[in-house]
Protein backbone atom coordinates (compact mmCIF):
# COMPACT_ATOMS: atom_id res chain seq x y z
CA MET A 1 -15.08 -40.48 91.28
CA GLY A 2 -16.26 -39.98 94.85
CA ASP A 3 -16.92 -36.29 94.33
CA ILE A 4 -19.20 -37.05 91.38
CA TYR A 5 -21.39 -39.36 93.45
CA ARG A 6 -21.54 -36.88 96.32
CA ALA A 7 -22.51 -34.15 93.87
CA LEU A 8 -25.23 -36.27 92.26
CA ALA A 9 -26.61 -37.55 95.57
CA ASP A 10 -28.43 -34.32 96.39
CA PRO A 11 -31.76 -33.55 94.65
CA THR A 12 -31.08 -29.80 94.63
CA ARG A 13 -27.76 -30.33 92.85
CA ARG A 14 -29.44 -32.63 90.33
CA ALA A 15 -32.02 -29.89 89.71
CA LEU A 16 -29.19 -27.39 89.16
CA LEU A 17 -27.63 -29.75 86.60
CA ASP A 18 -31.03 -30.10 84.89
CA ALA A 19 -31.33 -26.31 84.73
CA LEU A 20 -27.84 -26.01 83.22
CA ALA A 21 -28.59 -28.80 80.73
CA ALA A 22 -31.62 -26.79 79.59
CA ALA A 23 -29.67 -23.53 79.26
CA ASP A 24 -25.92 -23.28 79.79
CA GLY A 25 -24.19 -20.14 81.04
CA GLN A 26 -26.59 -19.12 83.81
CA THR A 27 -25.93 -16.80 86.72
CA LEU A 28 -26.60 -17.64 90.35
CA PHE A 29 -29.76 -15.54 90.22
CA ALA A 30 -31.08 -17.37 87.15
CA LEU A 31 -30.28 -20.75 88.66
CA ARG A 32 -32.04 -19.87 91.91
CA ASN A 33 -35.11 -18.86 89.88
CA ALA A 34 -34.96 -22.17 88.00
CA LEU A 35 -35.00 -24.00 91.34
CA LEU A 36 -37.95 -21.91 92.53
CA GLU A 37 -39.84 -22.93 89.37
CA ARG A 38 -39.20 -26.57 90.33
CA GLY A 39 -40.71 -26.01 93.77
CA LEU A 40 -37.40 -25.79 95.63
CA THR A 41 -36.74 -22.79 97.86
CA PRO A 42 -33.00 -22.55 98.60
CA THR A 43 -31.31 -19.33 99.63
CA ARG A 44 -28.71 -17.72 97.37
CA GLN A 45 -26.04 -18.90 99.80
CA ALA A 46 -27.32 -22.49 99.61
CA VAL A 47 -27.33 -22.38 95.79
CA SER A 48 -23.78 -21.03 95.85
CA GLN A 49 -22.67 -23.85 98.14
CA HIS A 50 -24.33 -26.46 95.90
CA LEU A 51 -22.58 -24.94 92.88
CA ASP A 52 -19.25 -25.16 94.72
CA VAL A 53 -19.77 -28.91 95.24
CA LEU A 54 -20.65 -29.34 91.55
CA GLU A 55 -17.58 -27.32 90.54
CA GLU A 56 -15.31 -29.42 92.80
CA ALA A 57 -16.70 -32.55 91.10
CA GLY A 58 -15.87 -31.04 87.70
CA LEU A 59 -19.53 -30.98 86.63
CA VAL A 60 -19.77 -27.18 86.51
CA HIS A 61 -17.29 -24.63 85.26
CA VAL A 62 -17.47 -20.95 86.19
CA ARG A 63 -16.47 -18.09 83.95
CA ARG A 64 -16.40 -14.43 84.89
CA GLU A 65 -17.53 -11.61 82.66
CA GLY A 66 -17.23 -8.30 84.43
CA ARG A 67 -18.94 -8.61 87.77
CA TYR A 68 -21.02 -11.63 86.72
CA LYS A 69 -20.22 -15.31 87.13
CA PHE A 70 -21.70 -17.70 84.57
CA HIS A 71 -22.03 -21.42 85.25
CA ASP A 72 -21.61 -23.99 82.49
CA LEU A 73 -22.37 -27.71 82.60
CA ASP A 74 -19.55 -30.16 81.88
CA THR A 75 -20.67 -33.78 81.51
CA ARG A 76 -17.19 -35.20 80.87
CA PRO A 77 -16.79 -36.54 84.43
CA LEU A 78 -20.00 -38.56 83.98
CA ARG A 79 -18.37 -40.48 81.13
CA GLU A 80 -16.10 -42.16 83.68
CA ILE A 81 -19.03 -44.10 85.17
CA PRO A 82 -19.59 -46.49 82.22
CA ARG A 83 -15.82 -46.78 81.70
CA ARG A 84 -15.44 -47.95 85.27
CA TRP A 85 -18.44 -50.29 85.19
CA PRO A 86 -19.11 -51.21 81.55
CA ILE A 87 -22.46 -52.78 80.73
CA PRO A 88 -21.91 -56.35 79.46
């Protein structure tokens, strides 16, 4: 659970998750452009590092097709939050 909170704590990572929720299966280039549209200006390396944190938390899965890497959102880890702290 700790990795999920660390991943969600950063506004750039939350913006990446928003971009993937809008359109799954995006490349690093497309995700960087989505961040630029939101007024964020990270480098490609910074976006890659943010995606690594999201992948470690299980929120993003990467699939390769040829020389491209596509990133897909996985919300299953978020379902653990209400299981751990159910709303009465």
